C-alpha atoms as a PDB file:
ATOM      1  CA  MET A   1       0.000   0.000   0.000  1.00  0.00           C
ATOM      2  CA  SER A   2       1.245   3.482  -0.811  1.00  0.00           C
ATOM      3  CA  ALA A   3       2.250   5.917   1.921  1.00  0.00           C
ATOM      4  CA  PRO A   4      -0.339   8.288   3.365  1.00  0.00           C
ATOM      5  CA  ALA A   5      -0.821  11.555   1.534  1.00  0.00           C
ATOM      6  CA  PRO A   6       1.598  14.199   2.917  1.00  0.00           C
ATOM      7  CA  THR A   7       0.091  16.745   5.256  1.00  0.00           C
ATOM      8  CA  THR A   8       1.523  19.744   7.045  1.00  0.00           C
ATOM      9  CA  SER A   9      -1.420  20.457   9.324  1.00  0.00           C
ATOM     10  CA  THR A  10      -0.612  18.176  12.245  1.00  0.00           C
ATOM     11  CA  SER A  11      -0.042  19.702  15.643  1.00  0.00           C
ATOM     12  CA  ALA A  12       3.370  19.485  17.283  1.00  0.00           C
ATOM     13  CA  ALA A  13       1.515  18.706  20.517  1.00  0.00           C
ATOM     14  CA  THR A  14      -0.003  15.504  19.124  1.00  0.00           C
ATOM     15  CA  ARG A  15       1.484  12.547  20.960  1.00  0.00           C
ATOM     16  CA  ILE A  16       1.278   9.042  19.516  1.00  0.00           C
ATOM     17  CA  VAL A  17       2.398   6.108  21.635  1.00  0.00           C
ATOM     18  CA  ILE A  18       2.878   2.685  20.030  1.00  0.00           C
ATOM     19  CA  ALA A  19       2.866  -0.335  22.321  1.00  0.00           C
ATOM     20  CA  GLY A  20       5.013  -2.889  20.514  1.00  0.00           C
ATOM     21  CA  ALA A  21       7.947  -2.772  18.130  1.00  0.00           C
ATOM     22  CA  GLY A  22       7.313  -5.594  15.676  1.00  0.00           C
ATOM     23  CA  PRO A  23       6.788  -5.389  11.888  1.00  0.00           C
ATOM     24  CA  ALA A  24       3.391  -3.654  12.115  1.00  0.00           C
ATOM     25  CA  ALA A  25       4.654  -1.055  14.607  1.00  0.00           C
ATOM     26  CA  ARG A  26       7.771  -0.327  12.554  1.00  0.00           C
ATOM     27  CA  ALA A  27       5.717   0.000   9.374  1.00  0.00           C
ATOM     28  CA  LEU A  28       3.392   2.443  11.118  1.00  0.00           C
ATOM     29  CA  VAL A  29       6.276   4.676  12.204  1.00  0.00           C
ATOM     30  CA  ARG A  30       7.636   4.719   8.646  1.00  0.00           C
ATOM     31  CA  GLN A  31       4.199   5.592   7.246  1.00  0.00           C
ATOM     32  CA  LEU A  32       3.713   8.419   9.726  1.00  0.00           C
ATOM     33  CA  ASP A  33       7.156   9.785   8.882  1.00  0.00           C
ATOM     34  CA  GLN A  34       6.390   9.659   5.165  1.00  0.00           C
ATOM     35  CA  GLY A  35       3.096  11.419   5.893  1.00  0.00           C
ATOM     36  CA  ARG A  36       5.088  14.294   7.479  1.00  0.00           C
ATOM     37  CA  PHE A  37       3.672  13.812  10.941  1.00  0.00           C
ATOM     38  CA  ASP A  38       5.286  16.497  13.108  1.00  0.00           C
ATOM     39  CA  GLY A  39       4.081  15.463  16.537  1.00  0.00           C
ATOM     40  CA  SER A  40       5.904  12.971  18.754  1.00  0.00           C
ATOM     41  CA  ILE A  41       5.993   9.178  18.405  1.00  0.00           C
ATOM     42  CA  THR A  42       7.022   6.974  21.330  1.00  0.00           C
ATOM     43  CA  VAL A  43       7.643   3.283  20.641  1.00  0.00           C
ATOM     44  CA  LEU A  44       7.557   1.003  23.688  1.00  0.00           C
ATOM     45  CA  SER A  45       9.634  -2.090  22.880  1.00  0.00           C
ATOM     46  CA  ASN A  46       9.921  -5.251  24.945  1.00  0.00           C
ATOM     47  CA  ARG A  47      13.320  -5.941  23.378  1.00  0.00           C
ATOM     48  CA  ASP A  48      16.420  -5.199  25.401  1.00  0.00           C
ATOM     49  CA  ASP A  49      18.601  -5.309  22.301  1.00  0.00           C
ATOM     50  CA  ALA A  50      18.633  -2.683  19.575  1.00  0.00           C
ATOM     51  CA  PRO A  51      18.107  -4.314  16.163  1.00  0.00           C
ATOM     52  CA  GLU A  52      19.070  -2.300  13.117  1.00  0.00           C
ATOM     53  CA  GLU A  53      15.497  -1.725  11.981  1.00  0.00           C
ATOM     54  CA  LEU A  54      14.610  -0.115  15.316  1.00  0.00           C
ATOM     55  CA  LEU A  55      17.796   1.940  15.453  1.00  0.00           C
ATOM     56  CA  GLU A  56      16.924   3.402  12.053  1.00  0.00           C
ATOM     57  CA  LEU A  57      13.556   4.545  13.380  1.00  0.00           C
ATOM     58  CA  ALA A  58      15.118   5.929  16.558  1.00  0.00           C
ATOM     59  CA  LEU A  59      17.209   8.279  14.411  1.00  0.00           C
ATOM     60  CA  LEU A  60      14.086  10.055  13.171  1.00  0.00           C
ATOM     61  CA  PRO A  61      13.742  13.407  14.972  1.00  0.00           C
ATOM     62  CA  GLN A  62      10.148  12.881  16.121  1.00  0.00           C
ATOM     63  CA  VAL A  63      10.620   9.277  17.260  1.00  0.00           C
ATOM     64  CA  SER A  64      11.662   7.972  20.686  1.00  0.00           C
ATOM     65  CA  VAL A  65      12.220   4.212  20.941  1.00  0.00           C
ATOM     66  CA  ARG A  66      12.206   2.933  24.514  1.00  0.00           C
ATOM     67  CA  PHE A  67      14.165  -0.313  24.424  1.00  0.00           C
ATOM     68  CA  GLY A  68      13.295  -2.881  27.077  1.00  0.00           C
ATOM     69  CA  GLN A  69      10.288  -0.862  28.256  1.00  0.00           C
ATOM     70  CA  PRO A  70       7.144  -2.769  27.256  1.00  0.00           C
ATOM     71  CA  ALA A  71       3.770  -1.265  28.049  1.00  0.00           C
ATOM     72  CA  SER A  72       2.248  -2.847  31.148  1.00  0.00           C
ATOM     73  CA  HIS A  73      -0.831  -0.740  31.938  1.00  0.00           C
ATOM     74  CA  ILE A  74      -3.190   1.605  30.109  1.00  0.00           C
ATOM     75  CA  ASP A  75      -5.165   4.335  31.870  1.00  0.00           C
ATOM     76  CA  ALA A  76      -7.695   5.078  29.146  1.00  0.00           C
ATOM     77  CA  ASP A  77      -9.470   7.782  31.147  1.00  0.00           C
ATOM     78  CA  ASN A  78      -6.311   9.860  31.616  1.00  0.00           C
ATOM     79  CA  ARG A  79      -4.714   8.675  28.372  1.00  0.00           C
ATOM     80  CA  THR A  80      -1.473   7.416  29.841  1.00  0.00           C
ATOM     81  CA  VAL A  81       0.552   4.232  29.387  1.00  0.00           C
ATOM     82  CA  ALA A  82       2.813   2.840  32.097  1.00  0.00           C
ATOM     83  CA  THR A  83       5.773   0.560  31.397  1.00  0.00           C
ATOM     84  CA  ALA A  84       7.049  -2.430  33.337  1.00  0.00           C
ATOM     85  CA  ASP A  85       9.775  -0.312  34.958  1.00  0.00           C
ATOM     86  CA  GLY A  86       7.355   2.361  36.196  1.00  0.00           C
ATOM     87  CA  MET A  87       7.723   4.991  33.467  1.00  0.00           C
ATOM     88  CA  GLU A  88       4.542   6.752  32.357  1.00  0.00           C
ATOM     89  CA  PHE A  89       3.807   8.230  28.941  1.00  0.00           C
ATOM     90  CA  ALA A  90       0.868  10.477  28.045  1.00  0.00           C
ATOM     91  CA  TYR A  91      -0.770  10.010  24.662  1.00  0.00           C
ATOM     92  CA  ASP A  92      -3.322  11.602  22.404  1.00  0.00           C
ATOM     93  CA  GLN A  93      -3.556   8.477  20.266  1.00  0.00           C
ATOM     94  CA  LEU A  94      -2.407   5.004  21.344  1.00  0.00           C
ATOM     95  CA  VAL A  95      -1.724   2.150  18.925  1.00  0.00           C
ATOM     96  CA  ILE A  96      -1.434  -1.368  20.301  1.00  0.00           C
ATOM     97  CA  ALA A  97       0.800  -3.581  18.159  1.00  0.00           C
ATOM     98  CA  THR A  98       1.899  -6.253  20.610  1.00  0.00           C
ATOM     99  CA  GLY A  99       1.698  -9.091  18.090  1.00  0.00           C
ATOM    100  CA  SER A 100       1.011 -12.752  18.789  1.00  0.00           C
ATOM    101  CA  ALA A 101       2.765 -15.694  20.395  1.00  0.00           C
ATOM    102  CA  PRO A 102       2.885 -19.439  19.639  1.00  0.00           C
ATOM    103  CA  VAL A 103       0.362 -21.509  21.560  1.00  0.00           C
ATOM    104  CA  ALA A 104       2.891 -24.302  22.151  1.00  0.00           C
ATOM    105  CA  ALA A 105       6.629 -24.377  22.838  1.00  0.00           C
ATOM    106  CA  PRO A 106       8.811 -24.364  19.698  1.00  0.00           C
ATOM    107  CA  VAL A 107       9.437 -27.697  17.994  1.00  0.00           C
ATOM    108  CA  GLU A 108      13.047 -28.824  18.330  1.00  0.00           C
ATOM    109  CA  GLY A 109      14.937 -27.650  15.232  1.00  0.00           C
ATOM    110  CA  ALA A 110      12.133 -25.288  14.150  1.00  0.00           C
ATOM    111  CA  ALA A 111      14.659 -22.562  13.293  1.00  0.00           C
ATOM    112  CA  GLN A 112      15.896 -24.727  10.422  1.00  0.00           C
ATOM    113  CA  CYS A 113      12.630 -24.677   8.497  1.00  0.00           C
ATOM    114  CA  LEU A 114      10.095 -22.225   7.121  1.00  0.00           C
ATOM    115  CA  SER A 115       7.209 -20.919   9.187  1.00  0.00           C
ATOM    116  CA  TYR A 116       3.867 -19.383   8.267  1.00  0.00           C
ATOM    117  CA  SER A 117       1.987 -17.252  10.780  1.00  0.00           C
ATOM    118  CA  THR A 118       0.825 -14.192   8.790  1.00  0.00           C
ATOM    119  CA  ILE A 119       0.184 -13.145   5.205  1.00  0.00           C
ATOM    120  CA  ASP A 120       3.578 -11.447   5.201  1.00  0.00           C
ATOM    121  CA  ASP A 121       5.245 -14.868   5.363  1.00  0.00           C
ATOM    122  CA  ALA A 122       3.874 -15.796   1.940  1.00  0.00           C
ATOM    123  CA  THR A 123       6.461 -13.757   0.036  1.00  0.00           C
ATOM    124  CA  ARG A 124       9.379 -15.212   1.981  1.00  0.00           C
ATOM    125  CA  ILE A 125       8.128 -18.767   1.484  1.00  0.00           C
ATOM    126  CA  ALA A 126       7.596 -18.170  -2.236  1.00  0.00           C
ATOM    127  CA  GLU A 127      11.187 -16.948  -2.612  1.00  0.00           C
ATOM    128  CA  ARG A 128      12.587 -19.982  -0.826  1.00  0.00           C
ATOM    129  CA  VAL A 129      10.437 -22.343  -2.888  1.00  0.00           C
ATOM    130  CA  GLN A 130      11.950 -20.871  -6.048  1.00  0.00           C
ATOM    131  CA  GLU A 131      15.432 -21.560  -4.688  1.00  0.00           C
ATOM    132  CA  VAL A 132      14.502 -25.143  -3.813  1.00  0.00           C
ATOM    133  CA  THR A 133      12.938 -25.732  -7.224  1.00  0.00           C
ATOM    134  CA  ARG A 134      16.007 -24.417  -9.045  1.00  0.00           C
ATOM    135  CA  GLU A 135      18.342 -26.596  -7.009  1.00  0.00           C
ATOM    136  CA  LEU A 136      16.267 -29.761  -7.358  1.00  0.00           C
ATOM    137  CA  GLY A 137      15.307 -29.232 -10.977  1.00  0.00           C
ATOM    138  CA  ARG A 138      11.835 -30.570 -10.234  1.00  0.00           C
ATOM    139  CA  ARG A 139       8.654 -29.861  -8.317  1.00  0.00           C
ATOM    140  CA  PRO A 140       9.455 -29.935  -4.563  1.00  0.00           C
ATOM    141  CA  LEU A 141       7.682 -32.073  -1.998  1.00  0.00           C
ATOM    142  CA  GLY A 142       6.777 -30.076   1.109  1.00  0.00           C
ATOM    143  CA  ILE A 143       5.889 -31.276   4.606  1.00  0.00           C
ATOM    144  CA  LEU A 144       3.313 -28.883   6.068  1.00  0.00           C
ATOM    145  CA  VAL A 145       2.616 -29.052   9.807  1.00  0.00           C
ATOM    146  CA  GLY A 146      -0.415 -27.315  11.276  1.00  0.00           C
ATOM    147  CA  THR A 147      -4.161 -26.856  11.488  1.00  0.00           C
ATOM    148  CA  GLY A 148      -6.509 -23.943  11.142  1.00  0.00           C
ATOM    149  CA  ALA A 149      -6.453 -20.840   8.960  1.00  0.00           C
ATOM    150  CA  ALA A 150      -2.680 -20.367   8.942  1.00  0.00           C
ATOM    151  CA  ALA A 151      -2.080 -23.898   7.694  1.00  0.00           C
ATOM    152  CA  GLY A 152      -4.784 -23.478   5.062  1.00  0.00           C
ATOM    153  CA  GLN A 153      -3.184 -20.302   3.759  1.00  0.00           C
ATOM    154  CA  ALA A 154       0.272 -21.884   3.802  1.00  0.00           C
ATOM    155  CA  GLU A 155      -0.986 -24.831   1.772  1.00  0.00           C
ATOM    156  CA  ALA A 156      -2.502 -22.478  -0.805  1.00  0.00           C
ATOM    157  CA  VAL A 157       0.816 -20.601  -1.109  1.00  0.00           C
ATOM    158  CA  LEU A 158       2.778 -23.824  -1.551  1.00  0.00           C
ATOM    159  CA  ARG A 159       0.419 -25.172  -4.200  1.00  0.00           C
ATOM    160  CA  ALA A 160       0.461 -21.856  -6.075  1.00  0.00           C
ATOM    161  CA  LYS A 161       4.263 -22.017  -6.212  1.00  0.00           C
ATOM    162  CA  GLY A 162       4.354 -25.587  -7.493  1.00  0.00           C
ATOM    163  CA  VAL A 163       5.041 -27.456  -4.267  1.00  0.00           C
ATOM    164  CA  ARG A 164       3.363 -30.792  -3.610  1.00  0.00           C
ATOM    165  CA  PRO A 165       2.314 -30.317   0.023  1.00  0.00           C
ATOM    166  CA  VAL A 166       1.826 -33.255   2.364  1.00  0.00           C
ATOM    167  CA  ARG A 167      -0.051 -31.947   5.380  1.00  0.00           C
ATOM    168  CA  THR A 168       0.013 -33.409   8.872  1.00  0.00           C
ATOM    169  CA  THR A 169      -2.030 -32.228  11.829  1.00  0.00           C
ATOM    170  CA  ALA A 170       0.066 -34.259  14.269  1.00  0.00           C
ATOM    171  CA  ARG A 171       2.687 -32.119  15.991  1.00  0.00           C
ATOM    172  CA  PRO A 172       6.226 -33.443  15.454  1.00  0.00           C
ATOM    173  CA  ALA A 173       8.735 -33.883  18.232  1.00  0.00           C
ATOM    174  CA  ALA A 174      11.554 -32.511  16.095  1.00  0.00           C
ATOM    175  CA  VAL A 175      12.545 -31.187  12.695  1.00  0.00           C
ATOM    176  CA  VAL A 176      15.304 -33.213  11.068  1.00  0.00           C
ATOM    177  CA  PRO A 177      18.292 -31.403   9.480  1.00  0.00           C
ATOM    178  CA  GLY A 178      18.957 -32.122   5.812  1.00  0.00           C
ATOM    179  CA  THR A 179      21.893 -31.571   3.468  1.00  0.00           C
ATOM    180  CA  SER A 180      20.578 -28.752   1.292  1.00  0.00           C
ATOM    181  CA  THR A 181      22.934 -26.061   0.052  1.00  0.00           C
ATOM    182  CA  PHE A 182      20.292 -23.323  -0.321  1.00  0.00           C
ATOM    183  CA  GLY A 183      19.922 -22.446   3.340  1.00  0.00           C
ATOM    184  CA  LEU A 184      16.959 -24.586   4.370  1.00  0.00           C
ATOM    185  CA  ALA A 185      18.455 -27.414   6.372  1.00  0.00           C
ATOM    186  CA  ALA A 186      15.162 -29.091   7.300  1.00  0.00           C
ATOM    187  CA  SER A 187      13.650 -31.777   5.092  1.00  0.00           C
ATOM    188  CA  ALA A 188      11.840 -34.125   7.504  1.00  0.00           C
ATOM    189  CA  VAL A 189       9.961 -34.317  10.796  1.00  0.00           C
ATOM    190  CA  VAL A 190       9.975 -36.986  13.488  1.00  0.00           C
ATOM    191  CA  PHE A 191       7.010 -37.732  15.754  1.00  0.00           C
ATOM    192  CA  GLU A 192       6.901 -38.867  19.369  1.00  0.00           C
ATOM    193  CA  ASP A 193       6.279 -42.497  18.381  1.00  0.00           C
ATOM    194  CA  GLY A 194       9.408 -42.555  16.239  1.00  0.00           C
ATOM    195  CA  SER A 195       7.647 -42.347  12.883  1.00  0.00           C
ATOM    196  CA  SER A 196       8.721 -39.699  10.400  1.00  0.00           C
ATOM    197  CA  MET A 197       7.800 -37.844   7.214  1.00  0.00           C
ATOM    198  CA  SER A 198      10.367 -36.739   4.641  1.00  0.00           C
ATOM    199  CA  GLY A 199      10.295 -34.213   1.826  1.00  0.00           C
ATOM    200  CA  ASP A 200      12.323 -31.409   0.268  1.00  0.00           C
ATOM    201  CA  LEU A 201      11.297 -28.690   2.742  1.00  0.00           C
ATOM    202  CA  VAL A 202       9.327 -28.302   5.954  1.00  0.00           C
ATOM    203  CA  VAL A 203       6.816 -25.542   6.737  1.00  0.00           C
ATOM    204  CA  LEU A 204       5.414 -25.047  10.235  1.00  0.00           C
ATOM    205  CA  ALA A 205       2.041 -23.265  10.391  1.00  0.00           C
ATOM    206  CA  GLU A 206       1.151 -23.736  14.021  1.00  0.00           C
ATOM    207  CA  ASP A 207      -1.522 -21.997  16.065  1.00  0.00           C
ATOM    208  CA  ARG A 208      -0.746 -18.598  17.544  1.00  0.00           C
ATOM    209  CA  VAL A 209      -2.651 -16.434  20.003  1.00  0.00           C
ATOM    210  CA  SER A 210      -2.891 -12.647  19.967  1.00  0.00           C
ATOM    211  CA  CYS A 211      -1.071 -10.847  22.781  1.00  0.00           C
ATOM    212  CA  ASP A 212      -4.106  -8.904  23.971  1.00  0.00           C
ATOM    213  CA  GLY A 213      -3.598  -8.949  27.740  1.00  0.00           C
ATOM    214  CA  LEU A 214      -2.601  -5.279  27.848  1.00  0.00           C
ATOM    215  CA  ALA A 215      -5.825  -4.276  26.095  1.00  0.00           C
ATOM    216  CA  ALA A 216      -8.075  -6.599  28.071  1.00  0.00           C
ATOM    217  CA  SER A 217      -6.799  -5.203  31.376  1.00  0.00           C
ATOM    218  CA  ALA A 218      -7.715  -1.702  30.188  1.00  0.00           C
ATOM    219  CA  GLY A 219     -11.277  -2.694  29.370  1.00  0.00           C
ATOM    220  CA  LEU A 220     -10.946  -2.909  25.597  1.00  0.00           C
ATOM    221  CA  ARG A 221     -13.206  -5.386  23.917  1.00  0.00           C
ATOM    222  CA  THR A 222     -11.449  -8.618  22.941  1.00  0.00           C
ATOM    223  CA  ALA A 223     -12.586 -11.533  20.797  1.00  0.00           C
ATOM    224  CA  ALA A 224     -13.556 -14.877  22.333  1.00  0.00           C
ATOM    225  CA  THR A 225     -10.798 -16.537  20.311  1.00  0.00           C
ATOM    226  CA  GLY A 226      -8.256 -13.868  21.272  1.00  0.00           C
ATOM    227  CA  GLY A 227      -7.299 -10.506  19.808  1.00  0.00           C
ATOM    228  CA  ILE A 228      -8.377  -6.899  20.294  1.00  0.00           C
ATOM    229  CA  VAL A 229     -11.652  -6.339  18.490  1.00  0.00           C
ATOM    230  CA  ILE A 230     -11.300  -3.627  15.836  1.00  0.00           C
ATOM    231  CA  SER A 231     -13.478  -2.043  13.191  1.00  0.00           C
ATOM    232  CA  GLN A 232     -12.399  -1.820   9.547  1.00  0.00           C
ATOM    233  CA  ASP A 233     -10.553   1.423  10.285  1.00  0.00           C
ATOM    234  CA  PHE A 234      -8.526  -0.200  13.126  1.00  0.00           C
ATOM    235  CA  ARG A 235     -10.391   1.524  15.955  1.00  0.00           C
ATOM    236  CA  THR A 236     -10.879  -0.411  19.181  1.00  0.00           C
ATOM    237  CA  SER A 237     -13.865  -0.127  21.502  1.00  0.00           C
ATOM    238  CA  VAL A 238     -12.169   2.718  23.428  1.00  0.00           C
ATOM    239  CA  PRO A 239     -11.760   6.182  21.797  1.00  0.00           C
ATOM    240  CA  GLY A 240      -8.195   7.161  21.037  1.00  0.00           C
ATOM    241  CA  ILE A 241      -6.917   3.583  21.019  1.00  0.00           C
ATOM    242  CA  TRP A 242      -6.181   1.645  17.838  1.00  0.00           C
ATOM    243  CA  ALA A 243      -4.808  -1.827  17.154  1.00  0.00           C
ATOM    244  CA  ILE A 244      -2.896  -3.255  14.204  1.00  0.00           C
ATOM    245  CA  GLY A 245      -0.935  -6.396  13.452  1.00  0.00           C
ATOM    246  CA  ASP A 246      -1.480  -9.737  15.130  1.00  0.00           C
ATOM    247  CA  ALA A 247      -2.632  -8.173  18.406  1.00  0.00           C
ATOM    248  CA  ALA A 248      -5.878  -7.247  16.645  1.00  0.00           C
ATOM    249  CA  ALA A 249      -8.777  -9.362  15.461  1.00  0.00           C
ATOM    250  CA  PHE A 250     -11.453  -8.594  12.899  1.00  0.00           C
ATOM    251  CA  ASP A 251     -14.604 -10.701  12.836  1.00  0.00           C
ATOM    252  CA  GLY A 252     -12.872 -13.153  15.184  1.00  0.00           C
ATOM    253  CA  VAL A 253      -9.848 -13.703  12.933  1.00  0.00           C
ATOM    254  CA  ARG A 254      -6.288 -12.723  13.817  1.00  0.00           C
ATOM    255  CA  LEU A 255      -5.490  -9.638  11.707  1.00  0.00           C
ATOM    256  CA  GLY A 256      -2.166 -10.963  10.423  1.00  0.00           C
ATOM    257  CA  LEU A 257      -4.097 -13.624   8.532  1.00  0.00           C
ATOM    258  CA  LEU A 258      -6.253 -10.986   6.819  1.00  0.00           C
ATOM    259  CA  VAL A 259      -4.103  -7.937   6.050  1.00  0.00           C
ATOM    260  CA  ALA A 260      -0.384  -7.449   5.409  1.00  0.00           C
ATOM    261  CA  ALA A 261       1.387  -5.439   8.106  1.00  0.00           C
ATOM    262  CA  ALA A 262       2.354  -2.630   5.704  1.00  0.00           C
ATOM    263  CA  SER A 263      -1.208  -2.269   4.414  1.00  0.00           C
ATOM    264  CA  ALA A 264      -2.680  -2.107   7.906  1.00  0.00           C
ATOM    265  CA  ALA A 265      -0.010   0.390   8.973  1.00  0.00           C
ATOM    266  CA  GLY A 266      -0.658   2.604   5.952  1.00  0.00           C
ATOM    267  CA  ALA A 267      -4.400   2.739   6.537  1.00  0.00           C
ATOM    268  CA  CYS A 268      -4.027   3.323  10.272  1.00  0.00           C
ATOM    269  CA  ALA A 269      -1.425   6.041   9.676  1.00  0.00           C
ATOM    270  CA  THR A 270      -3.843   7.912   7.442  1.00  0.00           C
ATOM    271  CA  GLN A 271      -6.469   7.791  10.186  1.00  0.00           C
ATOM    272  CA  LEU A 272      -3.973   9.046  12.760  1.00  0.00           C
ATOM    273  CA  LEU A 273      -2.827  11.870  10.495  1.00  0.00           C
ATOM    274  CA  THR A 274      -6.438  12.912   9.954  1.00  0.00           C
ATOM    275  CA  ALA A 275      -7.102  12.864  13.701  1.00  0.00           C
ATOM    276  CA  ALA A 276      -3.955  14.926  14.333  1.00  0.00           C
ATOM    277  CA  SER A 277      -4.992  17.429  11.679  1.00  0.00           C
ATOM    278  CA  ALA A 278      -8.433  17.769  13.259  1.00  0.00           C
ATOM    279  CA  ALA A 279      -6.813  18.336  16.655  1.00  0.00           C
ATOM    280  CA  ALA A 280      -4.647  21.083  15.194  1.00  0.00           C
ATOM    281  CA  HIS A 281      -7.768  22.985  14.176  1.00  0.00           C
ATOM    282  CA  SER A 282      -9.741  22.309  17.347  1.00  0.00           C
ATOM    283  CA  PRO A 283      -8.389  21.487  20.809  1.00  0.00           C
ATOM    284  CA  GLU A 284     -11.588  19.566  21.501  1.00  0.00           C
ATOM    285  CA  ALA A 285     -10.783  17.220  18.619  1.00  0.00           C
ATOM    286  CA  SER A 286      -7.695  15.937  20.400  1.00  0.00           C
ATOM    287  CA  ARG A 287     -10.040  13.836  22.561  1.00  0.00           C
ATOM    288  CA  GLU A 288     -11.768  12.381  19.527  1.00  0.00           C
ATOM    289  CA  THR A 289     -10.499  10.509  16.480  1.00  0.00           C
ATOM    290  CA  ALA A 290     -12.166  11.993  13.414  1.00  0.00           C
ATOM    291  CA  ALA A 291     -15.127   9.622  13.475  1.00  0.00           C
ATOM    292  CA  ALA A 292     -16.300  10.849  10.080  1.00  0.00           C
ATOM    293  CA  VAL A 293     -13.261   9.458   8.270  1.00  0.00           C
ATOM    294  CA  PRO A 294     -14.386   6.611   5.984  1.00  0.00           C
ATOM    295  CA  SER A 295     -12.883   3.145   6.273  1.00  0.00           C
ATOM    296  CA  LEU A 296      -9.633   2.777   4.353  1.00  0.00           C
ATOM    297  CA  VAL A 297      -9.891  -0.997   4.167  1.00  0.00           C
ATOM    298  CA  PRO A 298     -13.015  -1.798   2.136  1.00  0.00           C
ATOM    299  CA  SER A 299     -13.015  -5.480   3.048  1.00  0.00           C
ATOM    300  CA  PHE A 300     -10.675  -7.527   5.185  1.00  0.00           C
ATOM    301  CA  GLN A 301     -12.278 -10.620   3.778  1.00  0.00           C
ATOM    302  CA  ALA A 302     -11.017  -9.801   0.299  1.00  0.00           C
ATOM    303  CA  ALA A 303      -7.446  -9.895   1.596  1.00  0.00           C
ATOM    304  CA  ALA A 304      -7.791 -13.353   3.132  1.00  0.00           C
END
């Protein structure tokens, strides 16, 4: 999705706090920067390290990245966010992008194979499949592990790229290293009973759950299956609070399975820029979020 239309009408007093520092959060910061947002952006990261992609954002003049300071409490009435170490940050608009987590512990050797958890993984898997196909000189055989929507999407991606997928719903005990020269060292899985399945590549598409505890504790509406309930314009049930990425759910489905992180970030950024522009013209608008702005995502279902 293209960047939001540039605007110069935002107020320097507008404060945006982003809880989370994953792909969706980073994409949102980039979109706001491209949209010439001139307020302040505070990113609350649960990572103690400083990866390159976050350091690049921290160099932007309006951005403050708080490493190792994850959000721990939201006071929606006073519009403040507290971190695990006791720091408190005031906001005009809050975006929750805390992502998701695996339901089960990682399979032994999982780092040696491909994984599918969101739509964004499709491109990476497609690129690797091309490498495998070139090396083998034939149509690859893929072992796909998983159930549910993620596994269904992963199977569709593999079939579209010429892979013959063999799907198992039984969780393996380990992924077996192979001898490939193209970077994917996994070609088989072994189960608890000692049985195994072999192929040319292994894809794990296991269940994940949205990290929505922060939102639930603040009284935001959450889905029965997990995830912060949002409308098509990424608003939550509480004014001034938005959610993007895998922390959110639309119609009961984890958002990462419906919309690419960059697309969600672009649409949400446009809403935030509009709200900031409205606040610049009216102090009263800083407590609202431009409710008249039309949805920028016509249909999540079309993206699935």
